[in-house]
Amino acid sequence: MKSKLLLIVLLVLTIAVNAQDKGKDGKDKNVKVETTPTVKPSSDLEIKIYNTALKYGDIEVARTAMYSLLAKHPDSISYLDTIARLYFSAGNYVQCALSSKDYLTKDTTNLFVREMLAISYSSLNKSKEALEQYEILHASTKSVYHAYQIAVLQYVLKRYGECEATLAEIIANPKSADEKVSMSVDQNTTQQVPIKAAAYNIKGVMQKELNKPDEAKVFFEEAIKVYPDFALAKGNIESLNKAKTPDKK
C-alpha cells in the first residue's frame, strides 16, 4: 500500500495547487480514490515556481514554494495538505507526520492525509499512534485493508485478543479474498497476497508464539489454500516441520 500511495501522491502533486477538493460531499470516503488538495487557482510567483520545480523533479524547491504560500495565507490549509504530501512522497515521515497532524487539527475529514499520518507513524515504529489513526480510518471506510492494518498493529502491540477478533472480522468479509496486500518474501522481493490469506498467516504466527505448533500449522495451511503461492506461509510451515525434526548427530 505504501507504494500505491506514493504513486498517487506523485500524480496528484502536479495538479495539487490548481484543483478543487471534491471530497466534501461525503459520497466517497474511500481514500483509494482520493481527490487532490483544495488550493484555489493563483497567478502567484510561488505557484509558477512550484509547478516548474515539480516538472523538473525538485521536491525541495516545490516545498519551499508551498511554505512561502502558507506564510502568506496561514488560514489556507490546502498548502499544508500539499506540504504533507511532498514530505510523504520523499519519505520524510517525521515531517509528514507533523504536518499531517497539524492539518487534521483543522480538518478531520481528509482521509488521505490521515492515511499518510498512519503510514508515517507506522514507518517510525509508533505502533500505538498508527493504530489509533487506522481505527479512525476504518470507522469511516469500513475497508478490509484498514482492518488488516489494525490487526497487524494489534499483533505488534501484543494485543492478541483484539487481534484475534479483528482477524475473524477480516476472514468473514468476502472482500478479503479479493483485495490484496503487499508482503515481503525477502529483502528484494514482495508478493501481492489476498488479505484473507495474510490474516490466516497472522493467526498462525500468533499460535506459533503461544507454543501451539499444531494449531499454527492449520492456519498456515488455510493461508495456502487461499493463495497456493504464498511464500511466507510456506516458509512458516517449513520452519515448524524443521522444529519437529530432531537433529541428527
Protein backbone atom coordinates (compact mmCIF):
# COMPACT_ATOMS: atom_id res chain seq x y z
CA MET A 1 0.00 0.00 0.00
CA LYS A 2 2.87 2.35 0.66
CA SER A 3 3.99 2.11 -2.95
CA LYS A 4 0.40 2.68 -4.12
CA LEU A 5 0.08 5.80 -2.01
CA LEU A 6 3.43 7.12 -3.22
CA LEU A 7 2.27 6.76 -6.81
CA ILE A 8 -0.99 8.54 -6.00
CA VAL A 9 0.87 11.35 -4.25
CA LEU A 10 3.31 11.88 -7.09
CA LEU A 11 0.43 12.04 -9.56
CA VAL A 12 -1.68 14.50 -7.60
CA LEU A 13 1.18 16.81 -6.70
CA THR A 14 1.47 18.00 -10.30
CA ILE A 15 -2.07 19.40 -10.19
CA ALA A 16 -2.49 19.96 -6.46
CA VAL A 17 -2.37 23.72 -6.49
CA ASN A 18 -4.91 24.09 -9.27
CA ALA A 19 -7.52 21.51 -8.20
CA GLN A 20 -10.68 21.77 -6.17
CA ASP A 21 -11.38 19.25 -3.41
CA LYS A 22 -14.33 17.04 -4.37
CA GLY A 23 -14.28 15.05 -1.17
CA LYS A 24 -16.51 17.35 0.87
CA ASP A 25 -19.81 15.88 -0.37
CA GLY A 26 -19.27 12.66 1.52
CA LYS A 27 -20.17 10.50 -1.50
CA ASP A 28 -16.90 8.59 -1.49
CA LYS A 29 -14.99 8.06 1.70
CA ASN A 30 -12.57 5.51 0.25
CA VAL A 31 -9.09 7.01 0.40
CA LYS A 32 -8.01 4.88 -2.55
CA VAL A 33 -9.97 7.27 -4.76
CA GLU A 34 -8.79 10.45 -3.13
CA THR A 35 -9.06 13.92 -4.58
CA THR A 36 -6.29 16.48 -4.67
CA PRO A 37 -5.78 19.26 -2.11
CA THR A 38 -8.03 22.30 -2.13
CA VAL A 39 -5.90 25.12 -3.47
CA LYS A 40 -7.53 27.95 -5.37
CA PRO A 41 -6.14 28.89 -8.77
CA SER A 42 -3.50 31.55 -8.41
CA SER A 43 -1.06 33.53 -10.51
CA ASP A 44 1.37 33.92 -7.62
CA LEU A 45 5.03 33.53 -8.42
CA GLU A 46 5.19 30.69 -5.90
CA ILE A 47 2.65 28.69 -7.91
CA LYS A 48 4.80 29.02 -11.02
CA ILE A 49 7.89 28.04 -9.03
CA TYR A 50 6.03 25.07 -7.55
CA ASN A 51 4.85 23.75 -10.92
CA THR A 52 8.24 24.28 -12.55
CA ALA A 53 10.02 22.55 -9.65
CA LEU A 54 7.71 19.53 -9.95
CA LYS A 55 8.26 19.46 -13.69
CA TYR A 56 11.98 19.01 -13.07
CA GLY A 57 11.57 16.77 -10.05
CA ASP A 58 12.90 19.25 -7.49
CA ILE A 59 10.72 18.44 -4.50
CA GLU A 60 12.71 20.65 -2.11
CA VAL A 61 12.13 23.78 -4.21
CA ALA A 62 8.45 22.86 -4.64
CA ARG A 63 8.14 22.51 -0.87
CA THR A 64 9.81 25.88 -0.31
CA ALA A 65 7.28 27.48 -2.65
CA MET A 66 4.44 25.94 -0.65
CA TYR A 67 5.95 27.21 2.61
CA SER A 68 6.07 30.71 1.13
CA LEU A 69 2.38 30.48 0.18
CA LEU A 70 1.49 29.13 3.62
CA ALA A 71 3.28 32.07 5.23
CA LYS A 72 1.26 34.46 3.07
CA HIS A 73 -2.01 32.60 3.61
CA PRO A 74 -1.79 30.91 7.03
CA ASP A 75 -5.51 30.14 7.08
CA SER A 76 -5.34 28.11 3.87
CA ILE A 77 -4.85 24.52 4.96
CA SER A 78 -4.64 23.47 1.32
CA TYR A 79 -1.00 24.50 1.25
CA LEU A 80 -0.37 22.49 4.41
CA ASP A 81 -2.02 19.49 2.74
CA THR A 82 0.36 19.81 -0.21
CA ILE A 83 3.39 20.17 2.08
CA ALA A 84 2.42 16.97 3.87
CA ARG A 85 2.12 15.15 0.53
CA LEU A 86 5.50 16.44 -0.57
CA TYR A 87 7.12 15.14 2.60
CA PHE A 88 5.34 11.81 2.20
CA SER A 89 6.42 11.38 -1.43
CA ALA A 90 10.03 11.99 -0.35
CA GLY A 91 9.81 9.50 2.53
CA ASN A 92 10.29 12.23 5.15
CA TYR A 93 7.96 10.55 7.64
CA VAL A 94 8.78 12.69 10.66
CA GLN A 95 7.93 15.89 8.81
CA CYS A 96 4.94 14.26 7.11
CA ALA A 97 3.57 13.17 10.49
CA LEU A 98 3.99 16.63 11.98
CA SER A 99 2.40 18.46 9.06
CA SER A 100 -0.40 15.90 8.67
CA LYS A 101 -1.21 16.04 12.37
CA ASP A 102 -1.33 19.83 12.22
CA TYR A 103 -3.62 19.67 9.18
CA LEU A 104 -6.00 17.27 10.91
CA THR A 105 -6.45 19.64 13.84
CA LYS A 106 -8.14 21.95 11.33
CA ASP A 107 -9.88 19.43 9.07
CA THR A 108 -10.62 15.93 10.36
CA THR A 109 -12.40 14.78 7.20
CA ASN A 110 -9.39 14.40 4.88
CA LEU A 111 -8.86 10.63 4.86
CA PHE A 112 -5.90 10.78 2.51
CA VAL A 113 -3.98 12.98 4.94
CA ARG A 114 -5.00 10.71 7.80
CA GLU A 115 -3.69 7.67 5.96
CA MET A 116 -0.40 9.41 5.30
CA LEU A 117 -0.23 10.08 9.05
CA ALA A 118 -0.97 6.43 9.83
CA ILE A 119 1.70 5.19 7.43
CA SER A 120 4.20 7.73 8.75
CA TYR A 121 3.62 6.64 12.34
CA SER A 122 3.96 3.00 11.32
CA SER A 123 7.20 3.74 9.44
CA LEU A 124 8.53 5.47 12.56
CA ASN A 125 7.62 2.42 14.70
CA LYS A 126 4.98 4.40 16.58
CA SER A 127 2.58 1.48 16.52
CA LYS A 128 0.14 2.78 19.12
CA GLU A 129 -0.28 6.09 17.31
CA ALA A 130 -0.57 4.35 13.93
CA LEU A 131 -3.24 2.02 15.31
CA GLU A 132 -5.30 4.97 16.51
CA GLN A 133 -5.25 6.52 13.04
CA TYR A 134 -6.15 3.27 11.28
CA GLU A 135 -9.05 2.77 13.67
CA ILE A 136 -10.37 6.22 12.75
CA LEU A 137 -9.92 5.42 9.05
CA HIS A 138 -11.67 2.08 9.35
CA ALA A 139 -14.62 3.67 11.13
CA SER A 140 -15.16 5.81 8.03
CA THR A 141 -14.14 3.48 5.20
CA LYS A 142 -15.01 0.00 6.56
CA SER A 143 -12.10 -1.05 4.37
CA VAL A 144 -10.83 -4.61 4.77
CA TYR A 145 -7.34 -3.26 4.10
CA HIS A 146 -7.61 -0.87 7.03
CA ALA A 147 -8.92 -3.71 9.19
CA TYR A 148 -5.84 -5.74 8.22
CA GLN A 149 -3.52 -2.88 9.20
CA ILE A 150 -5.32 -2.71 12.54
CA ALA A 151 -4.76 -6.45 13.06
CA VAL A 152 -1.06 -6.14 12.22
CA LEU A 153 -0.59 -3.32 14.72
CA GLN A 154 -2.59 -5.15 17.39
CA TYR A 155 -0.26 -8.11 16.86
CA VAL A 156 2.82 -5.89 17.11
CA LEU A 157 1.47 -4.41 20.35
CA LYS A 158 0.75 -7.97 21.60
CA ARG A 159 -2.97 -7.28 21.93
CA TYR A 160 -3.67 -10.84 20.87
CA GLY A 161 -7.31 -10.95 21.96
CA GLU A 162 -8.14 -7.82 19.98
CA CYS A 163 -6.08 -9.10 17.06
CA GLU A 164 -8.00 -12.40 17.00
CA ALA A 165 -11.31 -10.54 16.88
CA THR A 166 -10.12 -8.29 14.05
CA LEU A 167 -8.78 -11.24 12.05
CA ALA A 168 -12.09 -13.08 12.45
CA GLU A 169 -13.85 -10.00 11.05
CA ILE A 170 -11.45 -9.89 8.10
CA ILE A 171 -11.78 -13.59 7.27
CA ALA A 172 -15.58 -13.38 7.39
CA ASN A 173 -15.56 -10.47 4.94
CA PRO A 174 -15.94 -11.75 1.33
CA LYS A 175 -13.81 -8.85 0.09
CA SER A 176 -10.77 -10.22 1.93
CA ALA A 177 -10.41 -12.99 -0.67
CA ASP A 178 -10.14 -10.46 -3.49
CA GLU A 179 -8.34 -7.44 -2.06
CA LYS A 180 -4.59 -7.82 -1.76
CA VAL A 181 -1.75 -6.55 0.38
CA SER A 182 1.95 -6.42 -0.44
CA MET A 183 4.05 -8.77 1.68
CA SER A 184 7.81 -9.29 1.72
CA VAL A 185 9.26 -12.58 0.55
CA ASP A 186 12.83 -11.47 1.18
CA GLN A 187 14.78 -8.21 1.13
CA ASN A 188 14.33 -7.78 -2.60
CA THR A 189 11.01 -9.46 -3.37
CA THR A 190 7.37 -8.86 -2.47
CA GLN A 191 4.12 -10.65 -3.24
CA GLN A 192 0.60 -9.37 -3.69
CA VAL A 193 -1.30 -11.64 -1.31
CA PRO A 194 -5.06 -11.84 -0.72
CA ILE A 195 -5.81 -10.21 2.63
CA LYS A 196 -7.69 -13.33 3.76
CA ALA A 197 -4.54 -15.42 3.32
CA ALA A 198 -2.46 -12.80 5.12
CA ALA A 199 -4.95 -12.86 8.00
CA TYR A 200 -4.68 -16.64 8.35
CA ASN A 201 -0.91 -16.29 8.36
CA ILE A 202 -1.03 -13.87 11.29
CA LYS A 203 -3.28 -16.30 13.16
CA GLY A 204 -0.68 -19.00 12.57
CA VAL A 205 2.17 -16.80 13.75
CA MET A 206 0.30 -15.99 16.97
CA GLN A 207 -0.32 -19.68 17.65
CA LYS A 208 3.34 -20.41 16.98
CA GLU A 209 4.36 -17.76 19.50
CA LEU A 210 1.97 -19.33 22.01
CA ASN A 211 3.85 -22.64 21.56
CA LYS A 212 0.93 -24.26 19.75
CA PRO A 213 2.65 -25.57 16.60
CA ASP A 214 -0.17 -27.90 15.55
CA GLU A 215 -2.75 -25.09 15.65
CA ALA A 216 -0.28 -22.78 13.91
CA LYS A 217 0.20 -25.26 11.06
CA VAL A 218 -3.56 -25.46 10.50
CA PHE A 219 -3.75 -21.70 9.97
CA PHE A 220 -0.70 -21.63 7.71
CA GLU A 221 -2.31 -24.37 5.61
CA GLU A 222 -5.52 -22.34 5.44
CA ALA A 223 -3.49 -19.39 4.17
CA ILE A 224 -2.02 -21.57 1.41
CA LYS A 225 -5.49 -22.85 0.45
CA VAL A 226 -6.49 -19.24 -0.19
CA TYR A 227 -3.25 -18.45 -2.02
CA PRO A 228 -1.20 -21.52 -3.05
CA ASP A 229 1.87 -19.44 -3.95
CA PHE A 230 2.05 -17.76 -0.52
CA ALA A 231 5.80 -17.95 0.10
CA LEU A 232 5.71 -16.63 3.66
CA ALA A 233 3.12 -19.17 4.82
CA LYS A 234 5.04 -21.99 3.13
CA GLY A 235 8.19 -20.83 4.89
CA ASN A 236 6.36 -20.84 8.22
CA ILE A 237 5.24 -24.45 7.70
CA GLU A 238 8.77 -25.43 6.73
CA SER A 239 10.04 -23.80 9.93
CA LEU A 240 7.53 -25.76 12.01
CA ASN A 241 8.50 -29.02 10.33
CA LYS A 242 12.18 -28.41 10.97
CA ALA A 243 11.48 -27.67 14.63
CA LYS A 244 9.74 -31.05 14.96
CA THR A 245 12.60 -32.96 13.32
CA PRO A 246 15.31 -33.90 15.84
CA ASP A 247 18.89 -33.02 14.94
CA LYS A 248 20.86 -35.97 13.64
CA LYS A 249 24.27 -36.37 15.27
